[in-house]
Every structure is written in C-alpha cells, then in structure tokens.
C-alpha cells in the first residue's frame, strides 16, 4: 500500500514490501499460510440513497454511517480498502462530486478502482455490461479509466462490473484499456456471465491477459437454534458481505471457515451504503445500520486476531507473480474448494428459508397441508371440547 497511510504510519505492516511478501507467502508458501484479505467496497447510488447522501452523513442518533465511516474504520487499524467507484454517476451528480469522492479516498491511502454501471451515462434501458457490444464496452471502460486517472493521477488497474454483469467481451475491453485485474466473478450469481468461462472458484484465474479475483464464496450450513441436531441444514452459497449476515457470530464463523481453507485471497464485500438505511420519514435523517457496523468491526477484529495481511487490488495487480489458473480453455479447474461454515439462525428464519428453497408448487402443497392440518386440529379440539362438555353436563 502507498500514499497517505504509508507515510502516516511508516512502520505499519501493510507497507509495500510486507504486502508483497504476504501475497507471495499466501500464494506459494506453506499449506498453513494465511490468506490475504481484500476489503472491497462498491460505491454507487440506490433508489432511496443517492450517492451524494452517502459520503459522510450523520444518521439518526448522531452516528456517522457513510462511505467515509467505512474508510475511517479501516484507517483506525492502519488498513486500506479497494473502493470500486461508479464514475458514470457524474452524469447525475456532476463531475466535481465524483471527483471529490475519488480524491478523498485516494488521499486517505485507499485504492480507487473502476465500477461499471453503464446505464448512468449511456443507455438507461441497458443496465448490464453484457447488454453492450465489445466496442461499446471498450468505450465504457475507456471513459471510466480516463476519468479516474484524471482524478487520482494513477493508472486504473482493477475493475468490477455492476451486478457482476461482466462477460467475455468485458475481459477483452479491460485488456484493451490496460486493466489487468477483474473482480466480477461471483459463482452462482445469475447476472455474471463469467461463470460460463470455466474460471476457478475461490482461486485467481487468468483469461485474455486479465487476472480474475473471484468473490469468495462458502457454503452456509444453516441450522435452527436449539434444534440443529434434529433437523437437516439449509445449505446456501454465501459471500462475506456485511449486509448478508444476521450477526457478528455468523460473520466470524464464515471468515474462519474460508481462512482455514488455504485460499490465496479472501474477498470481503461492502457497499458505500452498507451502514446506512433510508430515512424513516420524509426529510428525516438516515437510519444507521448498526448491525452491519458491528459485523464489519467484528470481521476487522477477527482479521487482527488471526494476523492476516490486508491488501488492495492494486497491490495484487502490481506484483506480477500471481499464480492463476487458465480459464481460456473453458474447463473448470480441479482446484475449486468451497469452505463450509456451520451457522445458527433463528428457528423461524430457518423455516422461512427452507420453505423458499422449494419450488412454487411444493410451497403451495406444503401451505395447503399446513392449512388442512390446522383446520383438522381445530376441528378435533372443538369436537373433543364438546364431548367433554356433554359428559360433564350428564354428571
């Protein structure tokens, strides 16, 4: 890591030589080497929370809950994150607003990378990168690279497609524009067309001269509280996303499971709005997502306890010895570990999630069965009550 943080704490463990050593150790070291963690933040608007309102808001109760609070929590621990900025929103909020975000993050020592939600600047009807031709994607990436380079003074080396919607043309467009690292691969995500290319899961892949760092996934074996030994687990594929977990215990369990799997990298996921909910009333202050804040701090504490190196996408791109599987052949790598984490969830949540996992027809059948069972039980209880009443009347 370079920039403001490196000069502020010259002895910090994340300075560039230590970072590169950590990466090399995690890639080529012993089987017990700890993975390097990359904290990624997608910086973008939502319908209810425009990007200008996410920068540094004070939420209800006087709690800071914005994008810069995420940066601050990293900086408290002398760490840096990779912030994928949707630069195309300058069309809505003005270039000074987006430039200010990029420069603030860069000046604080963080990595600013490219995030592509093309509908903001090109075609409002086409939201996904795969909706555009190769030449159109090449232009979209070129425009983003130009803006970020003007704003930060650094070449752009990393990219993540909005909604993970990259396809093979996206990879070519990145290579044409000198971007050597992509972070759009999310196994199981319906909008991710990179899943069709045979790239490895949880390991770096190489295709078209671009290194793919996939979103880290793990199997969540969810069991109901108090009944886990009686019922089968509900198994889903999850990512380490502070907004996709119920509490700190789940987050730590997930991080420990992937850390123990001897992966070279672990990707942690946030959005710029992760700590912030829309105001409860018109004109009111936004509401703090305190659960997400606690989960992120628990993850940071666990990383500190495990003494894992925290690096940026730029650190990965800047070192040229990343061991990556070649996905160009379209054949999946044999090296595809998906760690498993045992997760305890509330019983009602377990029941709802199991029910949702069934097909619509099955859910209807289960619902009808439950309704008929309830009616039958009520009828039986009423009938039994009447018999008891007649019996007591005769006596």
Protein backbone atom coordinates (compact mmCIF):
# COMPACT_ATOMS: atom_id res chain seq x y z
CA UNK A 1 0.00 0.00 0.00
CA UNK A 2 1.18 3.50 -0.78
CA UNK A 3 0.04 7.07 -0.29
CA UNK A 4 -1.16 8.88 2.79
CA UNK A 5 -1.46 5.88 5.08
CA UNK A 6 2.01 4.57 4.27
CA UNK A 7 3.57 7.93 5.10
CA UNK A 8 1.42 8.37 8.20
CA UNK A 9 2.49 5.03 9.67
CA UNK A 10 5.88 4.21 8.14
CA UNK A 11 6.28 1.11 10.30
CA UNK A 12 2.88 -0.36 9.55
CA UNK A 13 2.78 -3.98 8.42
CA UNK A 14 0.90 -3.14 5.25
CA UNK A 15 3.72 -1.15 3.63
CA UNK A 16 4.51 -2.37 0.13
CA UNK A 17 7.40 -4.80 0.79
CA UNK A 18 5.45 -6.51 3.57
CA UNK A 19 2.31 -6.62 1.47
CA UNK A 20 4.05 -8.25 -1.47
CA UNK A 21 5.80 -10.69 0.83
CA UNK A 22 2.45 -11.61 2.35
CA UNK A 23 0.92 -12.17 -1.08
CA UNK A 24 3.82 -14.35 -2.20
CA UNK A 25 3.69 -16.33 1.02
CA UNK A 26 -0.03 -16.91 0.72
CA UNK A 27 0.31 -17.99 -2.92
CA UNK A 28 3.47 -20.06 -2.79
CA UNK A 29 4.11 -20.66 0.89
CA UNK A 30 3.29 -23.47 3.22
CA UNK A 31 -0.09 -25.14 3.47
CA UNK A 32 -0.68 -23.24 6.70
CA UNK A 33 -0.10 -19.80 5.16
CA UNK A 34 -2.88 -17.36 5.94
CA UNK A 35 -4.80 -15.86 3.04
CA UNK A 36 -4.50 -12.19 2.18
CA UNK A 37 -7.76 -10.30 2.70
CA UNK A 38 -9.05 -7.75 0.19
CA UNK A 39 -11.77 -5.47 1.57
CA UNK A 40 -13.85 -4.30 -1.39
CA UNK A 41 -16.49 -1.57 -1.37
CA UNK A 42 -18.82 -0.90 -4.31
CA UNK A 43 -19.52 2.84 -4.35
CA UNK A 44 -22.87 3.57 -6.01
CA UNK A 45 -26.35 5.01 -5.54
CA UNK A 46 -29.56 3.23 -4.65
CA UNK A 47 -33.06 4.45 -5.43
CA UNK A 48 -33.54 5.62 -1.86
CA UNK A 49 -29.96 6.70 -1.09
CA UNK A 50 -28.31 8.84 -3.80
CA UNK A 51 -24.52 8.77 -3.72
CA UNK A 52 -24.10 12.39 -2.53
CA UNK A 53 -26.09 11.46 0.59
CA UNK A 54 -23.80 8.52 1.32
CA UNK A 55 -20.46 10.32 1.56
CA UNK A 56 -20.34 11.40 5.20
CA UNK A 57 -23.86 11.55 6.67
CA UNK A 58 -24.74 11.67 10.35
CA UNK A 59 -27.51 9.17 10.92
CA UNK A 60 -30.34 9.31 13.40
CA UNK A 61 -28.86 9.31 16.89
CA UNK A 62 -25.72 11.18 15.89
CA UNK A 63 -23.96 8.12 14.42
CA UNK A 64 -21.70 8.57 11.41
CA UNK A 65 -22.81 6.00 8.90
CA UNK A 66 -21.47 6.84 5.43
CA UNK A 67 -18.82 5.84 2.98
CA UNK A 68 -16.11 7.73 4.85
CA UNK A 69 -17.01 5.88 8.06
CA UNK A 70 -16.09 2.64 6.31
CA UNK A 71 -12.79 4.23 5.30
CA UNK A 72 -12.27 5.51 8.87
CA UNK A 73 -12.78 2.08 10.46
CA UNK A 74 -10.13 0.68 8.13
CA UNK A 75 -7.77 3.54 8.84
CA UNK A 76 -8.18 3.05 12.61
CA UNK A 77 -6.49 -0.30 12.13
CA UNK A 78 -3.97 1.01 9.60
CA UNK A 79 -5.63 -0.84 6.75
CA UNK A 80 -6.69 0.13 3.25
CA UNK A 81 -9.66 -0.93 1.16
CA UNK A 82 -10.38 -1.17 -2.55
CA UNK A 83 -13.27 1.15 -3.45
CA UNK A 84 -14.89 0.38 -6.81
CA UNK A 85 -16.34 3.74 -7.83
CA UNK A 86 -19.21 4.01 -10.31
CA UNK A 87 -17.73 7.05 -12.03
CA UNK A 88 -20.60 7.21 -14.54
CA UNK A 89 -22.84 8.78 -11.93
CA UNK A 90 -21.13 12.07 -12.70
CA UNK A 91 -23.86 12.47 -15.30
CA UNK A 92 -26.41 12.74 -12.46
CA UNK A 93 -24.48 14.47 -9.66
CA UNK A 94 -21.80 16.39 -11.58
CA UNK A 95 -18.17 15.60 -12.09
CA UNK A 96 -16.97 17.58 -9.01
CA UNK A 97 -18.97 15.28 -6.71
CA UNK A 98 -17.48 12.07 -8.12
CA UNK A 99 -14.01 13.61 -8.38
CA UNK A 100 -14.20 14.65 -4.71
CA UNK A 101 -15.06 11.07 -3.65
CA UNK A 102 -12.18 9.62 -5.66
CA UNK A 103 -9.67 12.16 -4.37
CA UNK A 104 -10.74 11.85 -0.73
CA UNK A 105 -10.37 8.08 -0.79
CA UNK A 106 -7.07 8.26 -2.65
CA UNK A 107 -5.62 10.91 -0.34
CA UNK A 108 -6.50 8.78 2.67
CA UNK A 109 -4.45 5.91 1.25
CA UNK A 110 -7.15 3.73 -0.26
CA UNK A 111 -7.25 2.11 -3.68
CA UNK A 112 -9.82 3.57 -6.09
CA UNK A 113 -10.86 1.16 -8.84
CA UNK A 114 -13.45 1.17 -11.61
CA UNK A 115 -17.07 0.08 -11.15
CA UNK A 116 -19.23 -0.07 -14.27
CA UNK A 117 -22.96 0.62 -14.08
CA UNK A 118 -23.26 1.85 -17.68
CA UNK A 119 -26.93 2.90 -17.61
CA UNK A 120 -25.97 6.11 -15.79
CA UNK A 121 -24.08 7.53 -18.78
CA UNK A 122 -25.05 5.53 -21.87
CA UNK A 123 -28.36 3.73 -22.32
CA UNK A 124 -30.85 3.89 -19.40
CA UNK A 125 -32.55 0.77 -20.75
CA UNK A 126 -29.38 -1.34 -20.69
CA UNK A 127 -28.17 -1.82 -17.10
CA UNK A 128 -25.66 -4.64 -17.50
CA UNK A 129 -22.27 -4.75 -19.17
CA UNK A 130 -23.26 -7.84 -21.15
CA UNK A 131 -26.04 -5.75 -22.75
CA UNK A 132 -23.37 -3.86 -24.71
CA UNK A 133 -21.22 -4.92 -27.65
CA UNK A 134 -17.47 -5.35 -27.39
CA UNK A 135 -16.78 -1.95 -28.95
CA UNK A 136 -19.34 -0.30 -26.67
CA UNK A 137 -17.82 -1.93 -23.59
CA UNK A 138 -14.37 -0.86 -24.73
CA UNK A 139 -15.57 2.74 -24.87
CA UNK A 140 -17.34 2.50 -21.50
CA UNK A 141 -14.18 1.20 -19.82
CA UNK A 142 -12.01 3.77 -21.64
CA UNK A 143 -14.19 6.64 -20.40
CA UNK A 144 -14.03 5.34 -16.82
CA UNK A 145 -10.27 4.86 -16.95
CA UNK A 146 -9.79 8.39 -18.27
CA UNK A 147 -11.88 9.95 -15.51
CA UNK A 148 -10.29 8.01 -12.67
CA UNK A 149 -6.79 8.69 -13.95
CA UNK A 150 -7.56 12.41 -14.15
CA UNK A 151 -8.96 12.41 -10.63
CA UNK A 152 -6.34 10.32 -8.82
CA UNK A 153 -3.26 10.63 -11.03
CA UNK A 154 -2.83 6.85 -11.03
CA UNK A 155 -3.42 4.25 -13.74
CA UNK A 156 -6.53 2.14 -13.23
CA UNK A 157 -5.62 -1.50 -12.66
CA UNK A 158 -8.79 -3.12 -11.29
CA UNK A 159 -12.47 -3.35 -12.25
CA UNK A 160 -15.74 -4.82 -11.03
CA UNK A 161 -18.84 -4.86 -13.21
CA UNK A 162 -22.06 -3.59 -11.68
CA UNK A 163 -24.28 -6.52 -10.64
CA UNK A 164 -21.25 -8.72 -11.56
CA UNK A 165 -22.53 -8.49 -15.15
CA UNK A 166 -19.22 -8.97 -16.95
CA UNK A 167 -18.90 -11.34 -19.89
CA UNK A 168 -16.02 -12.40 -22.14
CA UNK A 169 -16.28 -9.13 -24.09
CA UNK A 170 -15.79 -7.28 -20.81
CA UNK A 171 -12.47 -9.05 -20.30
CA UNK A 172 -11.34 -8.04 -23.79
CA UNK A 173 -12.45 -4.45 -23.14
CA UNK A 174 -10.44 -4.38 -19.92
CA UNK A 175 -7.32 -5.72 -21.63
CA UNK A 176 -7.68 -3.16 -24.41
CA UNK A 177 -7.64 -0.43 -21.77
CA UNK A 178 -4.70 -1.76 -19.78
CA UNK A 179 -6.69 -3.07 -16.79
CA UNK A 180 -5.01 -6.26 -15.61
CA UNK A 181 -7.29 -7.35 -12.76
CA UNK A 182 -11.02 -8.01 -12.63
CA UNK A 183 -13.18 -8.80 -9.58
CA UNK A 184 -16.54 -9.51 -11.22
CA UNK A 185 -16.70 -13.30 -10.93
CA UNK A 186 -19.37 -14.36 -8.42
CA UNK A 187 -20.20 -18.08 -8.64
CA UNK A 188 -23.93 -18.65 -8.66
CA UNK A 189 -24.86 -15.05 -9.50
CA UNK A 190 -27.39 -15.01 -12.36
CA UNK A 191 -26.03 -11.82 -13.96
CA UNK A 192 -22.41 -12.98 -14.00
CA UNK A 193 -21.59 -14.27 -17.47
CA UNK A 194 -18.03 -15.11 -16.41
CA UNK A 195 -19.41 -18.25 -14.77
CA UNK A 196 -19.69 -19.67 -18.29
CA UNK A 197 -15.94 -19.44 -18.95
CA UNK A 198 -14.63 -22.22 -16.70
CA UNK A 199 -12.73 -19.96 -14.33
CA UNK A 200 -11.81 -21.40 -10.92
CA UNK A 201 -13.84 -20.76 -7.79
CA UNK A 202 -12.08 -19.01 -4.88
CA UNK A 203 -8.73 -19.00 -6.72
CA UNK A 204 -7.25 -16.46 -9.13
CA UNK A 205 -7.98 -17.23 -12.77
CA UNK A 206 -6.34 -15.99 -15.93
CA UNK A 207 -8.17 -15.21 -19.13
CA UNK A 208 -7.28 -12.94 -22.02
CA UNK A 209 -4.33 -11.46 -20.14
CA UNK A 210 -6.56 -10.38 -17.24
CA UNK A 211 -6.33 -11.92 -13.76
CA UNK A 212 -9.71 -12.72 -12.23
CA UNK A 213 -10.01 -12.45 -8.44
CA UNK A 214 -13.41 -14.02 -7.68
CA UNK A 215 -15.74 -13.08 -4.88
CA UNK A 216 -15.01 -15.52 -2.06
CA UNK A 217 -17.88 -17.95 -1.55
CA UNK A 218 -18.60 -20.54 1.11
CA UNK A 219 -21.37 -22.99 1.94
CA UNK A 220 -23.64 -21.74 4.71
CA UNK A 221 -24.96 -24.76 6.58
CA UNK A 222 -27.78 -23.04 8.45
CA UNK A 223 -29.32 -24.87 11.39
CA UNK A 224 -32.15 -23.66 13.65
CA UNK A 225 -31.25 -22.51 17.16
CA UNK A 226 -31.87 -25.29 19.67
CA UNK A 227 -32.90 -27.83 17.02
CA UNK A 228 -29.73 -28.11 14.96
CA UNK A 229 -29.16 -31.75 15.89
CA UNK A 230 -32.69 -32.74 14.89
CA UNK A 231 -33.14 -31.06 11.50
CA UNK A 232 -31.00 -31.09 8.35
CA UNK A 233 -29.10 -27.92 7.48
CA UNK A 234 -30.36 -25.43 4.94
CA UNK A 235 -27.39 -25.12 2.57
CA UNK A 236 -26.83 -21.98 0.51
CA UNK A 237 -23.84 -20.40 -1.20
CA UNK A 238 -22.84 -17.18 0.55
CA UNK A 239 -20.29 -14.38 0.34
CA UNK A 240 -18.71 -12.44 3.17
CA UNK A 241 -20.97 -9.42 2.87
CA UNK A 242 -21.73 -7.36 5.97
CA UNK A 243 -25.32 -6.88 4.77
CA UNK A 244 -25.93 -10.58 4.10
CA UNK A 245 -25.33 -11.87 7.62
CA UNK A 246 -27.54 -11.91 10.68
CA UNK A 247 -24.95 -11.13 13.35
CA UNK A 248 -21.29 -10.98 14.27
CA UNK A 249 -21.09 -14.68 15.20
CA UNK A 250 -22.10 -15.72 11.68
CA UNK A 251 -19.58 -13.32 10.16
CA UNK A 252 -16.70 -14.61 12.28
CA UNK A 253 -17.68 -18.24 11.60
CA UNK A 254 -17.67 -17.54 7.86
CA UNK A 255 -14.30 -15.77 7.96
CA UNK A 256 -12.76 -18.57 9.98
CA UNK A 257 -14.04 -21.21 7.57
CA UNK A 258 -12.58 -19.52 4.48
CA UNK A 259 -9.35 -18.61 6.28
CA UNK A 260 -8.82 -22.27 7.14
CA UNK A 261 -9.27 -23.37 3.52
CA UNK A 262 -5.79 -22.30 2.34
CA UNK A 263 -7.15 -19.83 -0.22
CA UNK A 264 -4.71 -17.23 -1.57
CA UNK A 265 -7.24 -14.39 -1.17
CA UNK A 266 -10.39 -13.73 0.82
CA UNK A 267 -12.64 -11.02 -0.61
CA UNK A 268 -14.84 -9.15 1.88
CA UNK A 269 -17.74 -7.22 0.43
CA UNK A 270 -19.47 -3.95 1.31
CA UNK A 271 -21.39 -1.17 -0.43
CA UNK A 272 -20.93 2.52 0.16
CA UNK A 273 -24.40 2.45 1.76
CA UNK A 274 -23.79 -0.64 3.93
CA UNK A 275 -24.00 1.34 7.18
CA UNK A 276 -26.95 3.47 6.13
CA UNK A 277 -30.69 2.92 5.71
CA UNK A 278 -33.16 5.28 4.08
CA UNK A 279 -34.81 7.84 6.39
CA UNK A 280 -37.89 6.65 8.21
CA UNK A 281 -39.76 9.83 7.29
CA UNK A 282 -39.56 12.45 4.57
CA UNK A 283 -36.85 14.98 5.40
CA UNK A 284 -35.57 12.93 8.31
CA UNK A 285 -32.02 11.82 8.97
CA UNK A 286 -30.97 8.45 7.52
CA UNK A 287 -31.05 5.48 9.88
CA UNK A 288 -27.84 3.78 10.92
CA UNK A 289 -27.49 0.10 10.10
CA UNK A 290 -25.83 -0.70 13.39
CA UNK A 291 -25.90 -4.44 12.76
CA UNK A 292 -23.75 -4.03 9.62
CA UNK A 293 -21.37 -1.77 11.57
CA UNK A 294 -20.98 -4.38 14.33
CA UNK A 295 -20.44 -7.14 11.77
CA UNK A 296 -17.73 -5.18 9.95
CA UNK A 297 -15.92 -4.35 13.17
CA UNK A 298 -16.14 -8.00 14.24
CA UNK A 299 -14.57 -9.02 10.92
CA UNK A 300 -11.79 -6.47 11.37
CA UNK A 301 -11.17 -7.69 14.91
CA UNK A 302 -11.03 -11.29 13.72
CA UNK A 303 -8.55 -10.38 10.97
CA UNK A 304 -6.40 -8.67 13.56
CA UNK A 305 -6.58 -11.68 15.87
CA UNK A 306 -5.60 -14.01 13.01
CA UNK A 307 -2.86 -11.59 11.93
CA UNK A 308 -3.87 -11.90 8.29
CA UNK A 309 -2.43 -9.37 5.82
CA UNK A 310 -4.96 -6.94 4.36
CA UNK A 311 -4.07 -5.78 0.86
CA UNK A 312 -5.68 -3.91 -2.03
CA UNK A 313 -6.45 -4.89 -5.60
CA UNK A 314 -3.66 -2.55 -6.70
CA UNK A 315 -1.20 -4.49 -4.55
CA UNK A 316 -2.23 -7.69 -6.32
CA UNK A 317 -2.03 -6.12 -9.78
CA UNK A 318 1.35 -4.54 -9.05
CA UNK A 319 3.03 -7.85 -8.25
CA UNK A 320 3.40 -9.97 -11.36
CA UNK A 321 3.76 -13.44 -9.88
CA UNK A 322 0.14 -14.20 -9.10
CA UNK A 323 -0.43 -17.90 -9.64
CA UNK A 324 -3.61 -18.15 -11.70
CA UNK A 325 -5.44 -20.97 -13.41
CA UNK A 326 -6.05 -20.51 -17.11
CA UNK A 327 -9.78 -20.46 -17.79
CA UNK A 328 -9.45 -19.82 -21.51
CA UNK A 329 -9.95 -23.49 -22.30
CA UNK A 330 -13.41 -23.39 -20.77
CA UNK A 331 -12.58 -26.33 -18.50
CA UNK A 332 -13.11 -25.70 -14.78
CA UNK A 333 -10.05 -26.01 -12.59
CA UNK A 334 -9.75 -29.02 -10.34
CA UNK A 335 -8.79 -26.67 -7.54
CA UNK A 336 -12.20 -25.36 -6.51
CA UNK A 337 -12.54 -25.53 -2.73
CA UNK A 338 -15.76 -24.16 -1.28
CA UNK A 339 -15.37 -23.97 2.51
CA UNK A 340 -18.26 -24.84 4.79
CA UNK A 341 -19.42 -22.80 7.77
CA UNK A 342 -21.90 -24.02 10.39
CA UNK A 343 -24.34 -21.18 11.02
CA UNK A 344 -27.00 -20.98 13.74
CA UNK A 345 -30.10 -19.00 12.74
CA UNK A 346 -33.41 -18.28 14.50
CA UNK A 347 -35.87 -21.15 14.07
CA UNK A 348 -38.46 -19.04 12.25
CA UNK A 349 -35.84 -17.72 9.82
CA UNK A 350 -34.66 -21.28 9.19
CA UNK A 351 -38.22 -22.38 8.43
CA UNK A 352 -38.83 -19.47 6.05
CA UNK A 353 -35.56 -20.05 4.18
CA UNK A 354 -36.21 -23.78 3.83
CA UNK A 355 -39.69 -23.06 2.51
CA UNK A 356 -38.36 -20.52 0.00
CA UNK A 357 -35.87 -23.08 -1.30
CA UNK A 358 -38.71 -25.27 -2.59
CA UNK A 359 -40.42 -24.82 -5.94
CA UNK A 360 -43.64 -22.83 -6.11
CA UNK A 361 -45.72 -25.99 -6.47
CA UNK A 362 -44.06 -27.58 -3.46
CA UNK A 363 -44.57 -24.44 -1.39
CA UNK A 364 -48.26 -24.42 -2.31
CA UNK A 365 -48.56 -28.09 -1.37
CA UNK A 366 -46.83 -27.51 1.97
CA UNK A 367 -49.04 -24.49 2.65
CA UNK A 368 -52.21 -26.40 1.85
CA UNK A 369 -51.09 -29.31 4.01
CA UNK A 370 -50.32 -26.95 6.89
CA UNK A 371 -53.71 -25.23 6.48
CA UNK A 372 -55.62 -28.51 6.38
CA UNK A 373 -53.67 -29.80 9.38
CA UNK A 374 -54.52 -26.65 11.31
CA UNK A 375 -58.21 -26.90 10.38
CA UNK A 376 -58.23 -30.58 11.37
CA UNK A 377 -56.61 -29.82 14.72
CA UNK A 378 -59.07 -27.03 15.44
CA UNK A 379 -61.99 -29.30 14.49
CA UNK A 380 -60.67 -32.08 16.70
CA UNK A 381 -60.11 -29.72 19.61
CA UNK A 382 -63.63 -28.31 19.25
CA UNK A 383 -65.16 -31.79 18.96
CA UNK A 384 -63.25 -33.02 21.98
CA UNK A 385 -64.33 -29.94 23.92
CA UNK A 386 -67.98 -30.56 23.09
CA UNK A 387 -67.79 -34.20 24.20
CA UNK A 388 -66.21 -33.12 27.45
CA UNK A 389 -68.95 -30.53 27.98
CA UNK A 390 -71.75 -33.10 27.37
CA UNK A 391 -70.07 -35.58 29.68
CA UNK A 392 -69.77 -33.06 32.49
CA UNK A 393 -73.38 -31.97 31.94
CA UNK A 394 -74.65 -35.55 32.40
CA UNK A 395 -72.76 -35.91 35.64
